[in-house]
Protein backbone atom coordinates (compact mmCIF):
# COMPACT_ATOMS: atom_id res chain seq x y z
CA MET A 1 -2.15 234.44 -123.11
CA ALA A 2 -1.06 234.51 -119.46
CA ILE A 3 -3.76 235.13 -116.89
CA ASN A 4 -3.04 238.36 -115.05
CA LYS A 5 -4.18 239.54 -111.63
CA GLY A 6 -7.05 241.62 -112.98
CA ALA A 7 -8.39 238.82 -115.16
CA LYS A 8 -8.20 236.35 -112.27
CA ALA A 9 -10.26 238.67 -110.08
CA ALA A 10 -12.88 239.04 -112.83
CA GLN A 11 -13.10 235.28 -113.34
CA LYS A 12 -13.57 234.82 -109.60
CA LEU A 13 -16.44 237.34 -109.63
CA ILE A 14 -18.05 235.66 -112.65
CA GLU A 15 -17.94 232.30 -110.86
CA GLU A 16 -19.22 233.78 -107.60
CA PHE A 17 -22.34 235.23 -109.24
CA GLY A 18 -22.82 232.41 -111.73
CA ILE A 19 -22.67 234.72 -114.74
CA GLU A 20 -23.09 232.78 -117.96
CA ASN A 21 -24.25 235.40 -120.46
CA THR A 22 -22.04 238.50 -120.72
CA ASN A 23 -25.10 240.52 -121.81
CA GLY A 24 -27.45 239.13 -119.20
CA TYR A 25 -26.59 241.40 -116.29
CA SER A 26 -25.80 245.00 -115.48
CA ILE A 27 -22.57 246.19 -113.88
CA GLU A 28 -24.70 248.30 -111.54
CA ASP A 29 -26.22 245.09 -110.13
CA LEU A 30 -22.72 243.83 -109.26
CA ILE A 31 -21.86 247.17 -107.68
CA TYR A 32 -24.99 247.10 -105.51
CA ALA A 33 -24.32 243.44 -104.64
CA ARG A 34 -21.02 244.58 -103.14
CA ASP A 35 -22.93 247.13 -101.02
CA ILE A 36 -21.22 250.03 -102.79
CA ILE A 37 -22.87 253.44 -102.97
CA PHE A 38 -23.36 254.39 -106.63
CA GLU A 39 -24.05 257.79 -108.13
CA GLU A 40 -24.04 259.33 -111.59
CA LYS A 41 -23.18 263.02 -111.82
CA LYS A 42 -21.08 265.52 -113.75
CA ILE A 43 -17.39 265.09 -112.96
CA SER A 44 -14.80 267.47 -114.40
CA ASN A 45 -11.95 265.85 -116.36
CA SER A 46 -12.82 262.37 -115.18
CA ASP A 47 -14.96 259.45 -116.35
CA GLY A 48 -15.12 257.70 -113.02
CA ARG A 49 -14.12 257.90 -109.39
CA ILE A 50 -13.99 255.53 -106.44
CA VAL A 51 -13.66 256.57 -102.80
CA PHE A 52 -13.02 254.04 -100.05
CA GLY A 53 -14.49 255.02 -96.69
CA LYS A 54 -14.12 253.36 -93.32
CA THR A 55 -17.39 251.45 -93.68
CA LYS A 56 -18.66 252.28 -97.17
CA THR A 57 -17.28 252.68 -100.68
CA LYS A 58 -18.67 255.09 -103.26
CA ILE A 59 -18.37 254.83 -107.04
CA SER A 60 -19.21 257.90 -109.11
CA ILE A 61 -19.63 257.95 -112.89
CA ASN A 62 -19.61 261.03 -115.10
CA SER A 63 -23.15 261.59 -116.39
CA ASP A 64 -21.73 263.27 -119.50
CA ILE A 65 -20.33 260.04 -120.93
CA LYS A 66 -21.96 259.86 -124.36
CA PHE A 67 -21.62 256.21 -125.30
CA GLU A 68 -23.14 253.32 -123.35
CA GLY A 69 -20.19 251.04 -124.12
CA ARG A 70 -17.75 253.52 -122.63
CA ARG A 71 -20.01 254.01 -119.59
CA ARG A 72 -20.19 250.25 -119.03
CA PHE A 73 -16.44 249.84 -119.31
CA THR A 74 -15.96 252.70 -116.82
CA LEU A 75 -18.30 250.99 -114.36
CA ALA A 76 -16.43 247.71 -114.73
CA HIS A 77 -13.10 249.51 -114.31
CA GLU A 78 -14.21 251.12 -111.03
CA LEU A 79 -15.60 247.81 -109.78
CA GLY A 80 -12.19 246.36 -110.62
CA HIS A 81 -10.55 248.91 -108.34
CA PHE A 82 -12.89 247.77 -105.54
CA GLU A 83 -12.17 244.09 -106.06
CA LEU A 84 -8.41 244.58 -106.37
CA HIS A 85 -7.43 247.67 -104.42
CA HIS A 86 -9.89 248.37 -101.59
CA ASN A 87 -7.21 247.62 -99.00
CA VAL A 88 -4.60 249.72 -100.79
CA ASN A 89 -6.10 253.11 -101.64
CA THR A 90 -8.63 255.58 -100.30
CA HIS A 91 -9.38 257.55 -103.49
CA LEU A 92 -8.84 256.81 -107.19
CA GLU A 93 -9.92 259.07 -110.04
CA ASP A 94 -9.86 257.82 -113.63
CA ASN A 95 -9.71 260.08 -116.66
CA SER A 96 -10.42 259.17 -120.26
CA LEU A 97 -6.82 258.16 -120.96
CA THR A 98 -6.69 255.70 -118.06
CA LEU A 99 -9.86 254.07 -119.34
CA ASP A 100 -8.44 253.91 -122.85
CA TYR A 101 -5.66 251.60 -121.73
CA PHE A 102 -2.69 253.94 -122.01
CA LYS A 103 -1.23 253.14 -118.65
CA ASN A 104 0.70 249.89 -118.85
CA GLY A 105 1.34 249.06 -115.24
CA GLY A 106 0.11 249.11 -111.68
CA GLN A 107 -3.42 249.56 -110.47
CA GLU A 108 -4.86 251.16 -113.61
CA TYR A 109 -3.60 248.31 -115.75
CA GLU A 110 -5.09 245.77 -113.35
CA ALA A 111 -8.46 247.56 -113.28
CA ASN A 112 -8.51 247.67 -117.08
CA GLN A 113 -7.69 243.97 -117.31
CA PHE A 114 -10.44 243.24 -114.78
CA ALA A 115 -12.96 245.18 -116.86
CA THR A 116 -11.78 243.52 -120.06
CA GLU A 117 -12.20 240.00 -118.70
CA LEU A 118 -15.51 240.83 -117.01
CA LEU A 119 -17.04 242.30 -120.17
CA MET A 120 -15.22 240.21 -122.79
CA PRO A 121 -14.22 236.88 -121.21
CA GLU A 122 -11.39 235.35 -123.21
CA VAL A 123 -13.22 232.14 -124.12
CA SER A 124 -16.34 234.01 -125.24
CA PHE A 125 -14.26 236.53 -127.14
CA ARG A 126 -12.30 233.86 -129.02
CA ASN A 127 -15.51 232.05 -129.91
CA PHE A 128 -17.09 235.25 -131.22
CA ILE A 129 -14.20 236.18 -133.52
CA GLU A 130 -13.40 232.66 -134.71
CA ARG A 131 -13.05 232.46 -138.51
CA LYS A 132 -14.13 236.09 -138.92
CA LYS A 133 -12.02 238.30 -141.15
CA PHE A 134 -10.47 241.32 -139.45
CA SER A 135 -12.04 244.68 -140.28
CA PRO A 136 -13.24 247.83 -138.54
CA GLU A 137 -16.74 246.40 -138.86
CA LEU A 138 -15.64 243.38 -136.83
CA LEU A 139 -14.31 245.69 -134.08
CA ARG A 140 -17.64 247.54 -134.05
CA ASN A 141 -19.53 244.23 -133.91
CA ILE A 142 -17.38 243.10 -130.98
CA ALA A 143 -18.14 246.32 -129.10
CA ASP A 144 -21.87 245.96 -129.80
CA HIS A 145 -21.99 242.26 -128.89
CA PHE A 146 -20.15 242.66 -125.59
CA GLN A 147 -21.65 246.10 -124.86
CA THR A 148 -18.32 247.79 -124.36
CA SER A 149 -16.32 250.60 -125.93
CA ILE A 150 -14.78 250.35 -129.40
CA THR A 151 -11.43 251.17 -127.79
CA SER A 152 -11.54 248.31 -125.29
CA ALA A 153 -12.73 245.95 -128.03
CA THR A 154 -9.77 247.00 -130.18
CA PHE A 155 -7.23 246.44 -127.41
CA ARG A 156 -8.75 243.05 -126.63
CA TYR A 157 -8.44 242.10 -130.29
CA LYS A 158 -4.85 243.36 -130.36
CA ASP A 159 -4.00 240.97 -127.53
CA ILE A 160 -5.81 237.81 -128.63
CA GLY A 161 -7.23 238.40 -132.11
CA GLN A 162 -6.37 236.23 -135.08
CA HIS A 163 -5.09 238.96 -137.40
CA PRO A 164 -2.05 240.95 -136.18
CA ILE A 165 -2.45 244.71 -135.83
CA TYR A 166 -0.59 247.80 -134.62
CA LEU A 167 -2.18 250.58 -132.58
CA PHE A 168 -1.00 254.20 -132.58
CA TYR A 169 -2.50 256.63 -130.08
CA CYS A 170 -2.31 260.36 -130.88
CA ARG A 171 -3.47 263.30 -128.80
CA ASP A 172 -3.33 266.98 -129.70
CA ARG A 173 -1.35 266.26 -132.89
CA LYS A 174 1.29 264.15 -131.13
CA VAL A 175 2.00 260.42 -131.15
CA ILE A 176 1.81 259.42 -127.49
CA TYR A 177 1.94 255.65 -127.59
CA TRP A 178 2.01 252.61 -129.85
CA ASP A 179 1.54 248.88 -129.31
CA ASN A 180 1.32 245.73 -131.39
CA SER A 181 -0.10 242.21 -131.39
CA PRO A 182 2.13 239.56 -129.82
CA ASN A 183 4.87 238.24 -132.14
CA TYR A 184 4.04 240.82 -134.82
CA TYR A 185 6.96 243.17 -135.24
CA ARG A 186 7.51 245.98 -137.69
CA ARG A 187 10.10 248.70 -137.31
CA VAL A 188 8.08 251.76 -136.30
CA ARG A 189 9.29 255.15 -137.45
CA ASP A 190 10.79 257.25 -134.67
CA ILE A 191 7.78 259.54 -134.20
CA THR A 192 6.88 259.20 -130.52
CA LYS A 193 6.08 262.65 -129.09
CA LEU A 194 6.15 264.05 -132.62
CA ALA A 195 3.28 264.84 -134.99
CA PRO A 196 1.69 261.81 -136.69
CA PRO A 197 2.81 261.22 -140.28
CA GLU A 198 1.49 263.76 -142.78
CA ASP A 199 0.06 261.01 -144.98
CA SER A 200 -1.71 259.18 -142.12
CA VAL A 201 -5.46 259.07 -141.56
CA ALA A 202 -4.82 260.41 -138.06
CA MET A 203 -3.26 263.55 -139.50
CA GLU A 204 -6.22 264.04 -141.83
CA PHE A 205 -8.31 264.53 -138.72
CA PHE A 206 -5.87 266.87 -137.01
CA ASN A 207 -5.28 268.94 -140.15
CA ASP A 208 -8.72 269.01 -141.71
CA GLY A 209 -11.16 267.52 -139.20
CA ILE A 210 -11.86 264.53 -141.48
CA ILE A 211 -13.70 261.62 -139.88
CA TYR A 212 -14.55 258.86 -142.33
CA THR A 213 -17.97 257.25 -142.35
CA LYS A 214 -18.27 253.56 -141.56
CA ASP A 215 -18.36 252.52 -145.22
CA LYS A 216 -15.11 254.40 -145.87
CA SER A 217 -13.36 253.70 -142.57
CA VAL A 218 -10.80 251.38 -144.22
CA GLN A 219 -8.21 253.67 -145.80
CA GLU A 220 -5.28 252.27 -147.73
CA ILE A 221 -1.91 253.75 -146.75
CA ASN A 222 1.74 253.22 -147.57
CA LYS A 223 3.75 250.96 -145.30
CA SER A 224 6.21 253.85 -144.96
CA THR A 225 3.47 255.99 -143.37
CA TRP A 226 4.02 254.41 -139.96
CA PHE A 227 6.88 251.95 -140.50
CA GLU A 228 10.41 251.93 -141.79
CA THR A 229 10.66 249.95 -145.01
CA ASN A 230 13.12 248.03 -147.10
CA GLU A 231 13.07 248.07 -150.87
CA TYR A 232 11.57 244.60 -151.14
CA ASP A 233 8.56 245.27 -148.87
CA SER A 234 7.74 248.91 -149.60
CA ASN A 235 4.80 247.94 -151.85
CA ASP A 236 3.00 245.76 -149.32
CA GLU A 237 -0.66 246.70 -148.82
CA TYR A 238 -1.40 248.42 -145.51
CA PHE A 239 -4.56 249.96 -144.11
CA GLU A 240 -5.48 252.41 -141.35
CA TYR A 241 -8.71 252.81 -139.40
CA ALA A 242 -8.90 255.91 -137.22
CA ILE A 243 -11.03 255.83 -134.07
CA VAL A 244 -11.57 259.52 -133.34
CA THR A 245 -12.69 261.04 -130.04
CA LYS A 246 -13.37 264.69 -130.85
CA ASP A 247 -14.09 265.71 -127.26
CA PHE A 248 -10.54 264.80 -126.21
CA ASN A 249 -8.85 265.54 -129.57
CA THR A 250 -7.52 262.00 -129.79
CA VAL A 251 -7.12 259.38 -132.49
CA LEU A 252 -6.46 255.68 -132.06
CA SER A 253 -5.13 254.43 -135.39
CA VAL A 254 -5.50 250.73 -136.11
CA VAL A 255 -2.97 249.66 -138.75
CA TRP A 256 -2.77 246.27 -140.44
CA GLU A 257 -1.57 244.63 -143.61
CA LYS A 258 -3.56 242.58 -146.09
């Protein structure tokens, strides 16, 4: 996997502070070490914000963030903006979608890649998942081990995990975005900006509010649910795991084959 600008900046920071254990430090400590003003308060429609002043920079985090992993990723993302963009911008505000990876270019992409490498360094990540079978439980274990969000753990696995997967992001009953592991191609049905498939796990949430418990989070689906099929492969076994965020009415569907 090619090293991008964001990952390079994170590796430089890790080396500068001699960080060896990804769980052995707080992102707040790094923020204070950069002499950045930090505050936690309620912010409408935003998870984080960074403001560059003439002599000081301020990072603000929404105090209503419910999950510690998401909070930590937000902190790392804002720190990434400081490391990468403090000579470029004066004010950046990041909503939930930015922090869930659905911008694929520019400064938000770089800040996400910075946060990903800072929290889940590639070498450590590969070592953690080595010889472990893919499952939703593995994604949850990754998030717990690296103290990050399930979403960021899933995208990291999509990029460098051992088992190929597809990701479909839906918001307000519409398919907004999809992505796949490198060199893993299936012909996706033409459903972008349309409702998710009626027989998908995502649509079960939108139609009936169904959120499966951890022990039932692996749901078998037809290949034709998300993909176009040929006669010879229509019976292949496929599965869907829906990561639901009720507050934003979103579903990230993880789809894979046996």
